[in-house]
Amino acid sequence: MRSIPIVKKSFHMVAFRDLPILFTEDYTELSKAYLEKEYNRILNTSYDFSRLHFSYWRDYILKTKLERNRLSLKGCLTGFGSWVGGIVENNKVIKGHTRDR
């Protein structure tokens, strides 16, 4: 038997909004007609279930961490490039330029 979870909308469930889950503000809105309509809509929609696997979250966390480190490093290089009398373009210190020019 196919079943679909029905959960109250909350901040904690936002990561699962693109999965076959019926979110509701109030359980009183769940009439038989509404449930049948949503059941058919959900069954006829394609979903990406990758968020249900550990590997998705591991890769997401690593990617986010690397991106933050890259942005942090870029800020450091920009300051360093100005300090040594050069400018930074594409994360490389370009010689022969100063902030004063």
N, C-alpha and C. Protein backbone atom coordinates (compact mmCIF):
# COMPACT_ATOMS: atom_id res chain seq x y z
N MET A 1 0.84 -1.19 0.00
CA MET A 1 0.00 0.00 0.00
C MET A 1 0.88 1.25 0.00
N ARG A 2 0.60 2.16 -0.87
CA ARG A 2 1.36 3.41 -0.95
C ARG A 2 0.84 4.37 0.11
N SER A 3 1.77 4.98 0.81
CA SER A 3 1.37 5.96 1.82
C SER A 3 2.26 7.19 1.69
N ILE A 4 1.73 8.30 2.13
CA ILE A 4 2.44 9.57 2.05
C ILE A 4 2.41 10.21 3.44
N PRO A 5 3.57 10.59 3.96
CA PRO A 5 3.58 11.23 5.27
C PRO A 5 2.86 12.59 5.24
N ILE A 6 2.12 12.87 6.27
CA ILE A 6 1.47 14.16 6.44
C ILE A 6 2.07 14.79 7.68
N VAL A 7 2.72 15.94 7.49
CA VAL A 7 3.39 16.60 8.60
C VAL A 7 3.02 18.08 8.65
N LYS A 8 3.08 18.62 9.83
CA LYS A 8 2.83 20.04 10.01
C LYS A 8 4.04 20.83 9.50
N LYS A 9 3.78 21.91 8.79
CA LYS A 9 4.86 22.75 8.26
C LYS A 9 5.69 23.27 9.42
N SER A 10 7.01 23.19 9.26
CA SER A 10 7.91 23.73 10.27
C SER A 10 9.26 24.01 9.63
N PHE A 11 10.03 24.82 10.29
CA PHE A 11 11.36 25.16 9.82
C PHE A 11 12.23 23.91 9.68
N HIS A 12 12.05 22.96 10.58
CA HIS A 12 12.88 21.75 10.60
C HIS A 12 12.65 20.85 9.39
N MET A 13 11.52 20.98 8.74
CA MET A 13 11.19 20.11 7.62
C MET A 13 11.47 20.75 6.26
N VAL A 14 12.00 21.96 6.24
CA VAL A 14 12.21 22.68 4.98
C VAL A 14 13.16 21.94 4.04
N ALA A 15 14.10 21.19 4.55
CA ALA A 15 15.04 20.45 3.71
C ALA A 15 14.35 19.33 2.92
N PHE A 16 13.15 18.99 3.32
CA PHE A 16 12.43 17.88 2.68
C PHE A 16 11.24 18.35 1.85
N ARG A 17 11.19 19.65 1.56
CA ARG A 17 10.03 20.20 0.85
C ARG A 17 9.87 19.64 -0.56
N ASP A 18 10.93 19.14 -1.16
CA ASP A 18 10.84 18.61 -2.53
C ASP A 18 10.67 17.10 -2.55
N LEU A 19 10.22 16.54 -1.45
CA LEU A 19 9.98 15.10 -1.37
C LEU A 19 8.48 14.84 -1.27
N PRO A 20 8.06 13.62 -1.49
CA PRO A 20 6.62 13.31 -1.46
C PRO A 20 6.06 13.31 -0.04
N ILE A 21 5.94 14.48 0.51
CA ILE A 21 5.39 14.68 1.85
C ILE A 21 4.29 15.72 1.72
N LEU A 22 3.18 15.49 2.38
CA LEU A 22 2.09 16.46 2.38
C LEU A 22 2.25 17.33 3.62
N PHE A 23 2.56 18.60 3.39
CA PHE A 23 2.72 19.56 4.47
C PHE A 23 1.41 20.28 4.70
N THR A 24 1.10 20.53 5.96
CA THR A 24 -0.14 21.22 6.29
C THR A 24 0.10 22.24 7.39
N GLU A 25 -0.65 23.31 7.33
CA GLU A 25 -0.62 24.32 8.40
C GLU A 25 -1.51 23.87 9.55
N ASP A 26 -2.59 23.18 9.19
CA ASP A 26 -3.60 22.81 10.17
C ASP A 26 -4.23 21.49 9.74
N TYR A 27 -4.26 20.54 10.62
CA TYR A 27 -4.79 19.22 10.27
C TYR A 27 -6.29 19.25 9.95
N THR A 28 -6.98 20.32 10.33
CA THR A 28 -8.41 20.40 10.04
C THR A 28 -8.67 20.61 8.55
N GLU A 29 -7.68 21.02 7.78
CA GLU A 29 -7.86 21.22 6.34
C GLU A 29 -7.83 19.90 5.56
N LEU A 30 -7.58 18.81 6.21
CA LEU A 30 -7.41 17.52 5.54
C LEU A 30 -8.73 16.79 5.34
N SER A 31 -9.48 17.26 4.36
CA SER A 31 -10.74 16.58 3.99
C SER A 31 -10.42 15.40 3.08
N LYS A 32 -11.38 14.53 2.91
CA LYS A 32 -11.19 13.37 2.04
C LYS A 32 -10.88 13.82 0.60
N ALA A 33 -11.59 14.80 0.10
CA ALA A 33 -11.37 15.30 -1.27
C ALA A 33 -9.96 15.89 -1.41
N TYR A 34 -9.55 16.67 -0.42
CA TYR A 34 -8.21 17.28 -0.44
C TYR A 34 -7.13 16.20 -0.42
N LEU A 35 -7.28 15.21 0.44
CA LEU A 35 -6.30 14.13 0.53
C LEU A 35 -6.21 13.33 -0.77
N GLU A 36 -7.33 13.05 -1.39
CA GLU A 36 -7.34 12.32 -2.67
C GLU A 36 -6.65 13.13 -3.76
N LYS A 37 -6.94 14.44 -3.80
CA LYS A 37 -6.31 15.32 -4.80
C LYS A 37 -4.80 15.36 -4.59
N GLU A 38 -4.35 15.57 -3.37
CA GLU A 38 -2.92 15.64 -3.07
C GLU A 38 -2.23 14.29 -3.28
N TYR A 39 -2.91 13.22 -2.97
CA TYR A 39 -2.36 11.87 -3.17
C TYR A 39 -2.06 11.66 -4.66
N ASN A 40 -3.02 12.00 -5.51
CA ASN A 40 -2.82 11.85 -6.96
C ASN A 40 -1.73 12.78 -7.48
N ARG A 41 -1.68 14.01 -6.97
CA ARG A 41 -0.64 14.96 -7.39
C ARG A 41 0.74 14.43 -7.02
N ILE A 42 0.87 13.94 -5.82
CA ILE A 42 2.16 13.43 -5.35
C ILE A 42 2.57 12.18 -6.12
N LEU A 43 1.64 11.28 -6.38
CA LEU A 43 1.97 10.07 -7.13
C LEU A 43 2.39 10.36 -8.57
N ASN A 44 1.90 11.45 -9.13
CA ASN A 44 2.21 11.79 -10.52
C ASN A 44 3.35 12.80 -10.66
N THR A 45 4.10 12.98 -9.60
CA THR A 45 5.24 13.90 -9.60
C THR A 45 6.52 13.10 -9.46
N SER A 46 7.55 13.50 -10.19
CA SER A 46 8.86 12.85 -10.06
C SER A 46 9.64 13.54 -8.94
N TYR A 47 10.38 12.74 -8.18
CA TYR A 47 11.13 13.27 -7.05
C TYR A 47 12.58 12.81 -7.11
N ASP A 48 13.44 13.65 -6.57
CA ASP A 48 14.86 13.32 -6.41
C ASP A 48 15.04 12.87 -4.96
N PHE A 49 15.28 11.59 -4.76
CA PHE A 49 15.39 11.04 -3.41
C PHE A 49 16.81 11.08 -2.86
N SER A 50 17.70 11.77 -3.52
CA SER A 50 19.10 11.78 -3.07
C SER A 50 19.25 12.37 -1.66
N ARG A 51 18.36 13.26 -1.26
CA ARG A 51 18.44 13.86 0.08
C ARG A 51 18.20 12.85 1.20
N LEU A 52 17.73 11.70 0.84
CA LEU A 52 17.47 10.67 1.84
C LEU A 52 18.70 9.81 2.12
N HIS A 53 19.76 10.08 1.41
CA HIS A 53 20.98 9.28 1.56
C HIS A 53 22.07 10.09 2.27
N PHE A 54 22.83 9.41 3.09
CA PHE A 54 23.93 10.04 3.82
C PHE A 54 24.91 10.73 2.88
N SER A 55 25.20 10.11 1.75
CA SER A 55 26.20 10.66 0.82
C SER A 55 25.80 12.06 0.34
N TYR A 56 24.51 12.34 0.16
CA TYR A 56 24.06 13.66 -0.26
C TYR A 56 24.47 14.70 0.78
N TRP A 57 24.20 14.43 2.05
CA TRP A 57 24.47 15.39 3.12
C TRP A 57 25.97 15.52 3.37
N ARG A 58 26.71 14.42 3.26
CA ARG A 58 28.16 14.48 3.41
C ARG A 58 28.75 15.39 2.34
N ASP A 59 28.35 15.16 1.09
CA ASP A 59 28.87 15.97 -0.02
C ASP A 59 28.43 17.43 0.11
N TYR A 60 27.20 17.66 0.54
CA TYR A 60 26.69 19.02 0.73
C TYR A 60 27.51 19.76 1.79
N ILE A 61 27.77 19.10 2.90
CA ILE A 61 28.54 19.72 3.99
C ILE A 61 29.97 20.01 3.53
N LEU A 62 30.60 19.06 2.85
CA LEU A 62 31.97 19.27 2.38
C LEU A 62 32.03 20.39 1.36
N LYS A 63 31.08 20.44 0.44
CA LYS A 63 31.04 21.49 -0.58
C LYS A 63 30.86 22.86 0.07
N THR A 64 29.95 22.94 1.04
CA THR A 64 29.71 24.20 1.73
C THR A 64 30.96 24.64 2.49
N LYS A 65 31.60 23.69 3.15
CA LYS A 65 32.81 24.01 3.90
C LYS A 65 33.92 24.50 2.97
N LEU A 66 34.11 23.82 1.83
CA LEU A 66 35.13 24.23 0.87
C LEU A 66 34.84 25.61 0.31
N GLU A 67 33.57 25.89 0.02
CA GLU A 67 33.20 27.20 -0.52
C GLU A 67 33.48 28.29 0.49
N ARG A 68 33.14 28.05 1.75
CA ARG A 68 33.41 29.05 2.79
C ARG A 68 34.91 29.28 2.94
N ASN A 69 35.69 28.19 2.91
CA ASN A 69 37.14 28.33 3.01
C ASN A 69 37.70 29.11 1.83
N ARG A 70 37.18 28.84 0.63
CA ARG A 70 37.64 29.55 -0.57
C ARG A 70 37.35 31.04 -0.46
N LEU A 71 36.15 31.40 -0.01
CA LEU A 71 35.80 32.81 0.14
C LEU A 71 36.66 33.47 1.21
N SER A 72 36.91 32.75 2.28
CA SER A 72 37.76 33.28 3.35
C SER A 72 39.18 33.50 2.85
N LEU A 73 39.71 32.54 2.12
CA LEU A 73 41.07 32.65 1.57
C LEU A 73 41.15 33.79 0.57
N LYS A 74 40.11 33.96 -0.25
CA LYS A 74 40.11 35.04 -1.23
C LYS A 74 40.21 36.39 -0.53
N GLY A 75 39.49 36.56 0.58
CA GLY A 75 39.57 37.80 1.34
C GLY A 75 40.96 38.04 1.90
N CYS A 76 41.59 36.98 2.37
CA CYS A 76 42.95 37.10 2.91
C CYS A 76 43.93 37.48 1.81
N LEU A 77 43.80 36.86 0.64
CA LEU A 77 44.71 37.16 -0.46
C LEU A 77 44.55 38.59 -0.95
N THR A 78 43.31 39.08 -0.97
CA THR A 78 43.09 40.46 -1.41
C THR A 78 43.80 41.42 -0.48
N GLY A 79 43.66 41.20 0.83
CA GLY A 79 44.36 42.06 1.79
C GLY A 79 45.86 41.93 1.67
N PHE A 80 46.35 40.74 1.49
CA PHE A 80 47.78 40.49 1.36
C PHE A 80 48.33 41.15 0.11
N GLY A 81 47.60 41.05 -1.00
CA GLY A 81 48.05 41.65 -2.25
C GLY A 81 48.20 43.15 -2.13
N SER A 82 47.28 43.81 -1.44
CA SER A 82 47.39 45.25 -1.25
C SER A 82 48.57 45.58 -0.35
N TRP A 83 48.81 44.76 0.63
CA TRP A 83 49.90 45.00 1.59
C TRP A 83 51.26 44.90 0.93
N VAL A 84 51.44 43.95 -0.01
CA VAL A 84 52.74 43.80 -0.65
C VAL A 84 52.91 44.71 -1.86
N GLY A 85 51.93 45.57 -2.13
CA GLY A 85 52.06 46.50 -3.22
C GLY A 85 51.63 45.93 -4.55
N GLY A 86 50.76 44.97 -4.53
CA GLY A 86 50.22 44.41 -5.77
C GLY A 86 48.71 44.32 -5.67
N ILE A 87 48.08 43.83 -6.71
CA ILE A 87 46.65 43.60 -6.64
C ILE A 87 46.39 42.12 -6.91
N VAL A 88 45.23 41.68 -6.49
CA VAL A 88 44.88 40.27 -6.64
C VAL A 88 43.81 40.15 -7.71
N GLU A 89 44.06 39.32 -8.67
CA GLU A 89 43.08 38.99 -9.70
C GLU A 89 43.00 37.49 -9.81
N ASN A 90 41.80 36.94 -9.72
CA ASN A 90 41.58 35.50 -9.80
C ASN A 90 42.45 34.74 -8.80
N ASN A 91 42.49 35.27 -7.57
CA ASN A 91 43.23 34.66 -6.47
C ASN A 91 44.74 34.61 -6.68
N LYS A 92 45.28 35.45 -7.58
CA LYS A 92 46.72 35.51 -7.80
C LYS A 92 47.19 36.95 -7.59
N VAL A 93 48.32 37.10 -6.92
CA VAL A 93 48.89 38.44 -6.73
C VAL A 93 49.57 38.85 -8.02
N ILE A 94 49.16 39.98 -8.58
CA ILE A 94 49.73 40.50 -9.81
C ILE A 94 50.79 41.54 -9.41
N LYS A 95 52.03 41.32 -9.82
CA LYS A 95 53.14 42.22 -9.47
C LYS A 95 53.08 43.50 -10.31
N GLY A 96 53.73 44.55 -9.80
CA GLY A 96 53.87 45.78 -10.57
C GLY A 96 52.72 46.75 -10.41
N HIS A 97 51.75 46.43 -9.60
CA HIS A 97 50.65 47.36 -9.37
C HIS A 97 50.61 47.68 -7.88
N THR A 98 50.21 48.89 -7.56
CA THR A 98 50.04 49.26 -6.15
C THR A 98 48.66 49.85 -5.96
N ARG A 99 48.28 49.95 -4.69
CA ARG A 99 46.98 50.54 -4.37
C ARG A 99 46.94 52.02 -4.75
N ASP A 100 48.09 52.67 -4.75
CA ASP A 100 48.14 54.11 -4.97
C ASP A 100 47.96 54.50 -6.43
N ARG A 101 48.12 53.59 -7.36
CA ARG A 101 48.04 53.94 -8.78
C ARG A 101 46.62 54.08 -9.22
